[in-house]
Amino acid sequence: MLIHGARAVIQAARRTDDQQGWLPRLLQRRNPNVAAVAMANKNARIVWALLTNDRAYRHDYESAVPKT
């Protein structure tokens, strides 16, 4: 189900002109099927982290770890 959801997100992303962000950059480098599995993996990790830490999803969340 996660992969089917990721494929739907990829189709929606292709309909927009926005080429910024993680998914459009991934689609430029990888096959759409590989990108769908990568997105499903990312979503599964987010869900796991939220359930493990008993937190709600926040779209504006920023990690305390600095980006390198």
PDB file of N, CA and C in Angstrom:
ATOM      1  N   MET A   1       0.814  -1.187   0.000  1.00  0.00           N
ATOM      2  CA  MET A   1       0.000   0.000   0.000  1.00  0.00           C
ATOM      3  C   MET A   1       0.867   1.264   0.000  1.00  0.00           C
ATOM      4  N   LEU A   2       1.990   1.194   0.692  1.00  0.00           N
ATOM      5  CA  LEU A   2       2.871   2.362   0.703  1.00  0.00           C
ATOM      6  C   LEU A   2       3.409   2.674  -0.700  1.00  0.00           C
ATOM      7  N   ILE A   3       3.730   1.636  -1.459  1.00  0.00           N
ATOM      8  CA  ILE A   3       4.245   1.860  -2.809  1.00  0.00           C
ATOM      9  C   ILE A   3       3.155   2.393  -3.725  1.00  0.00           C
ATOM     10  N   HIS A   4       1.936   1.887  -3.591  1.00  0.00           N
ATOM     11  CA  HIS A   4       0.829   2.411  -4.400  1.00  0.00           C
ATOM     12  C   HIS A   4       0.582   3.888  -4.078  1.00  0.00           C
ATOM     13  N   GLY A   5       0.642   4.234  -2.807  1.00  0.00           N
ATOM     14  CA  GLY A   5       0.490   5.635  -2.415  1.00  0.00           C
ATOM     15  C   GLY A   5       1.601   6.503  -2.970  1.00  0.00           C
ATOM     16  N   ALA A   6       2.819   5.975  -2.962  1.00  0.00           N
ATOM     17  CA  ALA A   6       3.955   6.726  -3.496  1.00  0.00           C
ATOM     18  C   ALA A   6       3.810   6.944  -4.995  1.00  0.00           C
ATOM     19  N   ARG A   7       3.298   5.938  -5.704  1.00  0.00           N
ATOM     20  CA  ARG A   7       3.081   6.110  -7.147  1.00  0.00           C
ATOM     21  C   ARG A   7       2.046   7.193  -7.418  1.00  0.00           C
ATOM     22  N   ALA A   8       1.019   7.274  -6.587  1.00  0.00           N
ATOM     23  CA  ALA A   8       0.013   8.322  -6.747  1.00  0.00           C
ATOM     24  C   ALA A   8       0.630   9.701  -6.515  1.00  0.00           C
ATOM     25  N   VAL A   9       1.505   9.800  -5.526  1.00  0.00           N
ATOM     26  CA  VAL A   9       2.173  11.078  -5.251  1.00  0.00           C
ATOM     27  C   VAL A   9       3.078  11.463  -6.414  1.00  0.00           C
ATOM     28  N   ILE A  10       3.752  10.484  -7.012  1.00  0.00           N
ATOM     29  CA  ILE A  10       4.623  10.758  -8.160  1.00  0.00           C
ATOM     30  C   ILE A  10       3.803  11.281  -9.334  1.00  0.00           C
ATOM     31  N   GLN A  11       2.649  10.677  -9.590  1.00  0.00           N
ATOM     32  CA  GLN A  11       1.791  11.169 -10.674  1.00  0.00           C
ATOM     33  C   GLN A  11       1.339  12.595 -10.403  1.00  0.00           C
ATOM     34  N   ALA A  12       0.967  12.890  -9.168  1.00  0.00           N
ATOM     35  CA  ALA A  12       0.545  14.249  -8.825  1.00  0.00           C
ATOM     36  C   ALA A  12       1.707  15.231  -8.954  1.00  0.00           C
ATOM     37  N   ALA A  13       2.908  14.804  -8.582  1.00  0.00           N
ATOM     38  CA  ALA A  13       4.080  15.681  -8.670  1.00  0.00           C
ATOM     39  C   ALA A  13       4.421  16.005 -10.120  1.00  0.00           C
ATOM     40  N   ARG A  14       4.182  15.068 -11.003  1.00  0.00           N
ATOM     41  CA  ARG A  14       4.470  15.312 -12.426  1.00  0.00           C
ATOM     42  C   ARG A  14       3.524  16.343 -13.033  1.00  0.00           C
ATOM     43  N   ARG A  15       2.356  16.525 -12.449  1.00  0.00           N
ATOM     44  CA  ARG A  15       1.380  17.496 -12.968  1.00  0.00           C
ATOM     45  C   ARG A  15       1.684  18.924 -12.541  1.00  0.00           C
ATOM     46  N   THR A  16       2.620  19.103 -11.630  1.00  0.00           N
ATOM     47  CA  THR A  16       2.949  20.449 -11.158  1.00  0.00           C
ATOM     48  C   THR A  16       4.225  20.941 -11.825  1.00  0.00           C
ATOM     49  N   ASP A  17       4.435  22.233 -11.789  1.00  0.00           N
ATOM     50  CA  ASP A  17       5.632  22.836 -12.364  1.00  0.00           C
ATOM     51  C   ASP A  17       6.758  22.941 -11.350  1.00  0.00           C
ATOM     52  N   ASP A  18       6.455  22.669 -10.081  1.00  0.00           N
ATOM     53  CA  ASP A  18       7.445  22.803  -9.021  1.00  0.00           C
ATOM     54  C   ASP A  18       8.499  21.702  -9.143  1.00  0.00           C
ATOM     55  N   GLN A  19       9.733  22.090  -9.406  1.00  0.00           N
ATOM     56  CA  GLN A  19      10.812  21.126  -9.533  1.00  0.00           C
ATOM     57  C   GLN A  19      11.763  21.185  -8.346  1.00  0.00           C
ATOM     58  N   GLN A  20      11.345  21.850  -7.278  1.00  0.00           N
ATOM     59  CA  GLN A  20      12.134  21.910  -6.051  1.00  0.00           C
ATOM     60  C   GLN A  20      11.670  20.803  -5.128  1.00  0.00           C
ATOM     61  N   GLY A  21      12.519  20.416  -4.240  1.00  0.00           N
ATOM     62  CA  GLY A  21      12.149  19.412  -3.253  1.00  0.00           C
ATOM     63  C   GLY A  21      12.769  18.061  -3.536  1.00  0.00           C
ATOM     64  N   TRP A  22      12.557  17.176  -2.604  1.00  0.00           N
ATOM     65  CA  TRP A  22      13.188  15.866  -2.626  1.00  0.00           C
ATOM     66  C   TRP A  22      12.702  15.000  -3.784  1.00  0.00           C
ATOM     67  N   LEU A  23      11.409  14.904  -3.978  1.00  0.00           N
ATOM     68  CA  LEU A  23      10.863  13.997  -4.988  1.00  0.00           C
ATOM     69  C   LEU A  23      11.203  14.400  -6.423  1.00  0.00           C
ATOM     70  N   PRO A  24      11.017  15.635  -6.854  1.00  0.00           N
ATOM     71  CA  PRO A  24      11.379  15.981  -8.235  1.00  0.00           C
ATOM     72  C   PRO A  24      12.867  15.765  -8.536  1.00  0.00           C
ATOM     73  N   ARG A  25      13.712  16.063  -7.559  1.00  0.00           N
ATOM     74  CA  ARG A  25      15.150  15.832  -7.769  1.00  0.00           C
ATOM     75  C   ARG A  25      15.451  14.341  -7.886  1.00  0.00           C
ATOM     76  N   LEU A  26      14.762  13.517  -7.087  1.00  0.00           N
ATOM     77  CA  LEU A  26      14.947  12.069  -7.165  1.00  0.00           C
ATOM     78  C   LEU A  26      14.478  11.535  -8.514  1.00  0.00           C
ATOM     79  N   LEU A  27      13.347  12.042  -9.001  1.00  0.00           N
ATOM     80  CA  LEU A  27      12.813  11.582 -10.285  1.00  0.00           C
ATOM     81  C   LEU A  27      13.720  11.954 -11.458  1.00  0.00           C
ATOM     82  N   GLN A  28      14.514  12.996 -11.313  1.00  0.00           N
ATOM     83  CA  GLN A  28      15.468  13.356 -12.362  1.00  0.00           C
ATOM     84  C   GLN A  28      16.624  12.361 -12.425  1.00  0.00           C
ATOM     85  N   ARG A  29      16.930  11.746 -11.289  1.00  0.00           N
ATOM     86  CA  ARG A  29      18.083  10.848 -11.221  1.00  0.00           C
ATOM     87  C   ARG A  29      17.732   9.375 -11.345  1.00  0.00           C
ATOM     88  N   ARG A  30      16.505   8.986 -10.972  1.00  0.00           N
ATOM     89  CA  ARG A  30      16.163   7.567 -10.876  1.00  0.00           C
ATOM     90  C   ARG A  30      14.905   7.217 -11.651  1.00  0.00           C
ATOM     91  N   ASN A  31      14.770   5.941 -11.931  1.00  0.00           N
ATOM     92  CA  ASN A  31      13.582   5.379 -12.553  1.00  0.00           C
ATOM     93  C   ASN A  31      12.372   5.635 -11.642  1.00  0.00           C
ATOM     94  N   PRO A  32      11.190   5.895 -12.198  1.00  0.00           N
ATOM     95  CA  PRO A  32      10.012   6.154 -11.362  1.00  0.00           C
ATOM     96  C   PRO A  32       9.675   5.016 -10.388  1.00  0.00           C
ATOM     97  N   ASN A  33       9.942   3.769 -10.778  1.00  0.00           N
ATOM     98  CA  ASN A  33       9.678   2.668  -9.853  1.00  0.00           C
ATOM     99  C   ASN A  33      10.628   2.693  -8.658  1.00  0.00           C
ATOM    100  N   VAL A  34      11.872   3.037  -8.912  1.00  0.00           N
ATOM    101  CA  VAL A  34      12.853   3.162  -7.830  1.00  0.00           C
ATOM    102  C   VAL A  34      12.465   4.323  -6.922  1.00  0.00           C
ATOM    103  N   ALA A  35      12.028   5.425  -7.512  1.00  0.00           N
ATOM    104  CA  ALA A  35      11.601   6.586  -6.736  1.00  0.00           C
ATOM    105  C   ALA A  35      10.378   6.247  -5.880  1.00  0.00           C
ATOM    106  N   ALA A  36       9.462   5.443  -6.404  1.00  0.00           N
ATOM    107  CA  ALA A  36       8.269   5.051  -5.640  1.00  0.00           C
ATOM    108  C   ALA A  36       8.661   4.223  -4.422  1.00  0.00           C
ATOM    109  N   VAL A  37       9.589   3.306  -4.591  1.00  0.00           N
ATOM    110  CA  VAL A  37      10.039   2.491  -3.459  1.00  0.00           C
ATOM    111  C   VAL A  37      10.783   3.357  -2.445  1.00  0.00           C
ATOM    112  N   ALA A  38      11.578   4.304  -2.921  1.00  0.00           N
ATOM    113  CA  ALA A  38      12.291   5.211  -2.018  1.00  0.00           C
ATOM    114  C   ALA A  38      11.311   6.065  -1.222  1.00  0.00           C
ATOM    115  N   MET A  39      10.267   6.564  -1.882  1.00  0.00           N
ATOM    116  CA  MET A  39       9.277   7.365  -1.171  1.00  0.00           C
ATOM    117  C   MET A  39       8.500   6.519  -0.170  1.00  0.00           C
ATOM    118  N   ALA A  40       8.147   5.300  -0.549  1.00  0.00           N
ATOM    119  CA  ALA A  40       7.449   4.401   0.373  1.00  0.00           C
ATOM    120  C   ALA A  40       8.325   4.118   1.594  1.00  0.00           C
ATOM    121  N   ASN A  41       9.615   3.917   1.367  1.00  0.00           N
ATOM    122  CA  ASN A  41      10.547   3.688   2.468  1.00  0.00           C
ATOM    123  C   ASN A  41      10.616   4.909   3.388  1.00  0.00           C
ATOM    124  N   LYS A  42      10.690   6.077   2.790  1.00  0.00           N
ATOM    125  CA  LYS A  42      10.747   7.319   3.574  1.00  0.00           C
ATOM    126  C   LYS A  42       9.479   7.479   4.410  1.00  0.00           C
ATOM    127  N   ASN A  43       8.329   7.219   3.802  1.00  0.00           N
ATOM    128  CA  ASN A  43       7.063   7.326   4.536  1.00  0.00           C
ATOM    129  C   ASN A  43       6.977   6.304   5.658  1.00  0.00           C
ATOM    130  N   ALA A  44       7.447   5.076   5.408  1.00  0.00           N
ATOM    131  CA  ALA A  44       7.424   4.046   6.445  1.00  0.00           C
ATOM    132  C   ALA A  44       8.304   4.444   7.628  1.00  0.00           C
ATOM    133  N   ARG A  45       9.449   5.035   7.337  1.00  0.00           N
ATOM    134  CA  ARG A  45      10.344   5.468   8.417  1.00  0.00           C
ATOM    135  C   ARG A  45       9.723   6.608   9.223  1.00  0.00           C
ATOM    136  N   ILE A  46       9.035   7.517   8.553  1.00  0.00           N
ATOM    137  CA  ILE A  46       8.366   8.615   9.252  1.00  0.00           C
ATOM    138  C   ILE A  46       7.272   8.057  10.159  1.00  0.00           C
ATOM    139  N   VAL A  47       6.451   7.155   9.622  1.00  0.00           N
ATOM    140  CA  VAL A  47       5.369   6.553  10.416  1.00  0.00           C
ATOM    141  C   VAL A  47       5.947   5.807  11.610  1.00  0.00           C
ATOM    142  N   TRP A  48       6.997   5.021  11.386  1.00  0.00           N
ATOM    143  CA  TRP A  48       7.618   4.280  12.478  1.00  0.00           C
ATOM    144  C   TRP A  48       8.113   5.231  13.568  1.00  0.00           C
ATOM    145  N   ALA A  49       8.792   6.319  13.179  1.00  0.00           N
ATOM    146  CA  ALA A  49       9.319   7.274  14.153  1.00  0.00           C
ATOM    147  C   ALA A  49       8.199   7.947  14.936  1.00  0.00           C
ATOM    148  N   LEU A  50       7.108   8.290  14.248  1.00  0.00           N
ATOM    149  CA  LEU A  50       5.988   8.928  14.936  1.00  0.00           C
ATOM    150  C   LEU A  50       5.342   7.981  15.937  1.00  0.00           C
ATOM    151  N   LEU A  51       5.139   6.733  15.536  1.00  0.00           N
ATOM    152  CA  LEU A  51       4.514   5.763  16.440  1.00  0.00           C
ATOM    153  C   LEU A  51       5.431   5.395  17.601  1.00  0.00           C
ATOM    154  N   THR A  52       6.706   5.252  17.336  1.00  0.00           N
ATOM    155  CA  THR A  52       7.660   4.882  18.376  1.00  0.00           C
ATOM    156  C   THR A  52       7.783   5.970  19.433  1.00  0.00           C
ATOM    157  N   ASN A  53       7.775   7.228  19.007  1.00  0.00           N
ATOM    158  CA  ASN A  53       7.951   8.350  19.930  1.00  0.00           C
ATOM    159  C   ASN A  53       6.637   8.963  20.385  1.00  0.00           C
ATOM    160  N   ASP A  54       5.517   8.354  19.988  1.00  0.00           N
ATOM    161  CA  ASP A  54       4.179   8.827  20.371  1.00  0.00           C
ATOM    162  C   ASP A  54       4.013  10.321  20.068  1.00  0.00           C
ATOM    163  N   ARG A  55       4.262  10.677  18.817  1.00  0.00           N
ATOM    164  CA  ARG A  55       4.149  12.074  18.385  1.00  0.00           C
ATOM    165  C   ARG A  55       3.174  12.186  17.231  1.00  0.00           C
ATOM    166  N   ALA A  56       2.704  13.409  17.009  1.00  0.00           N
ATOM    167  CA  ALA A  56       1.839  13.710  15.869  1.00  0.00           C
ATOM    168  C   ALA A  56       2.707  14.270  14.748  1.00  0.00           C
ATOM    169  N   TYR A  57       2.255  14.069  13.511  1.00  0.00           N
ATOM    170  CA  TYR A  57       2.989  14.579  12.349  1.00  0.00           C
ATOM    171  C   TYR A  57       2.893  16.092  12.302  1.00  0.00           C
ATOM    172  N   ARG A  58       4.036  16.753  12.057  1.00  0.00           N
ATOM    173  CA  ARG A  58       4.077  18.206  11.868  1.00  0.00           C
ATOM    174  C   ARG A  58       4.823  18.486  10.577  1.00  0.00           C
ATOM    175  N   HIS A  59       4.162  19.137   9.633  1.00  0.00           N
ATOM    176  CA  HIS A  59       4.789  19.406   8.342  1.00  0.00           C
ATOM    177  C   HIS A  59       5.938  20.395   8.439  1.00  0.00           C
ATOM    178  N   ASP A  60       5.980  21.207   9.485  1.00  0.00           N
ATOM    179  CA  ASP A  60       7.027  22.226   9.620  1.00  0.00           C
ATOM    180  C   ASP A  60       8.156  21.773  10.548  1.00  0.00           C
ATOM    181  N   TYR A  61       8.204  20.500  10.879  1.00  0.00           N
ATOM    182  CA  TYR A  61       9.227  19.976  11.789  1.00  0.00           C
ATOM    183  C   TYR A  61      10.612  20.097  11.175  1.00  0.00           C
ATOM    184  N   GLU A  62      11.571  20.536  11.985  1.00  0.00           N
ATOM    185  CA  GLU A  62      12.962  20.594  11.552  1.00  0.00           C
ATOM    186  C   GLU A  62      13.788  19.781  12.531  1.00  0.00           C
ATOM    187  N   SER A  63      14.661  18.981  12.017  1.00  0.00           N
ATOM    188  CA  SER A  63      15.516  18.146  12.845  1.00  0.00           C
ATOM    189  C   SER A  63      16.469  18.998  13.656  1.00  0.00           C
ATOM    190  N   ALA A  64      16.814  18.530  14.845  1.00  0.00           N
ATOM    191  CA  ALA A  64      17.800  19.227  15.680  1.00  0.00           C
ATOM    192  C   ALA A  64      19.204  18.972  15.166  1.00  0.00           C
ATOM    193  N   VAL A  65      19.369  17.949  14.343  1.00  0.00           N
ATOM    194  CA  VAL A  65      20.674  17.626  13.784  1.00  0.00           C
ATOM    195  C   VAL A  65      20.938  18.547  12.589  1.00  0.00           C
ATOM    196  N   PRO A  66      22.085  19.252  12.602  1.00  0.00           N
ATOM    197  CA  PRO A  66      22.362  20.162  11.463  1.00  0.00           C
ATOM    198  C   PRO A  66      22.586  19.394  10.170  1.00  0.00           C
ATOM    199  N   LYS A  67      22.124  19.972   9.077  1.00  0.00           N
ATOM    200  CA  LYS A  67      22.313  19.373   7.747  1.00  0.00           C
ATOM    201  C   LYS A  67      23.746  19.576   7.299  1.00  0.00           C
ATOM    202  N   THR A  68      24.324  18.560   6.682  1.00  0.00           N
ATOM    203  CA  THR A  68      25.704  18.678   6.214  1.00  0.00           C
ATOM    204  C   THR A  68      25.749  18.842   4.727  1.00  0.00           C
TER     205      THR A  68
END
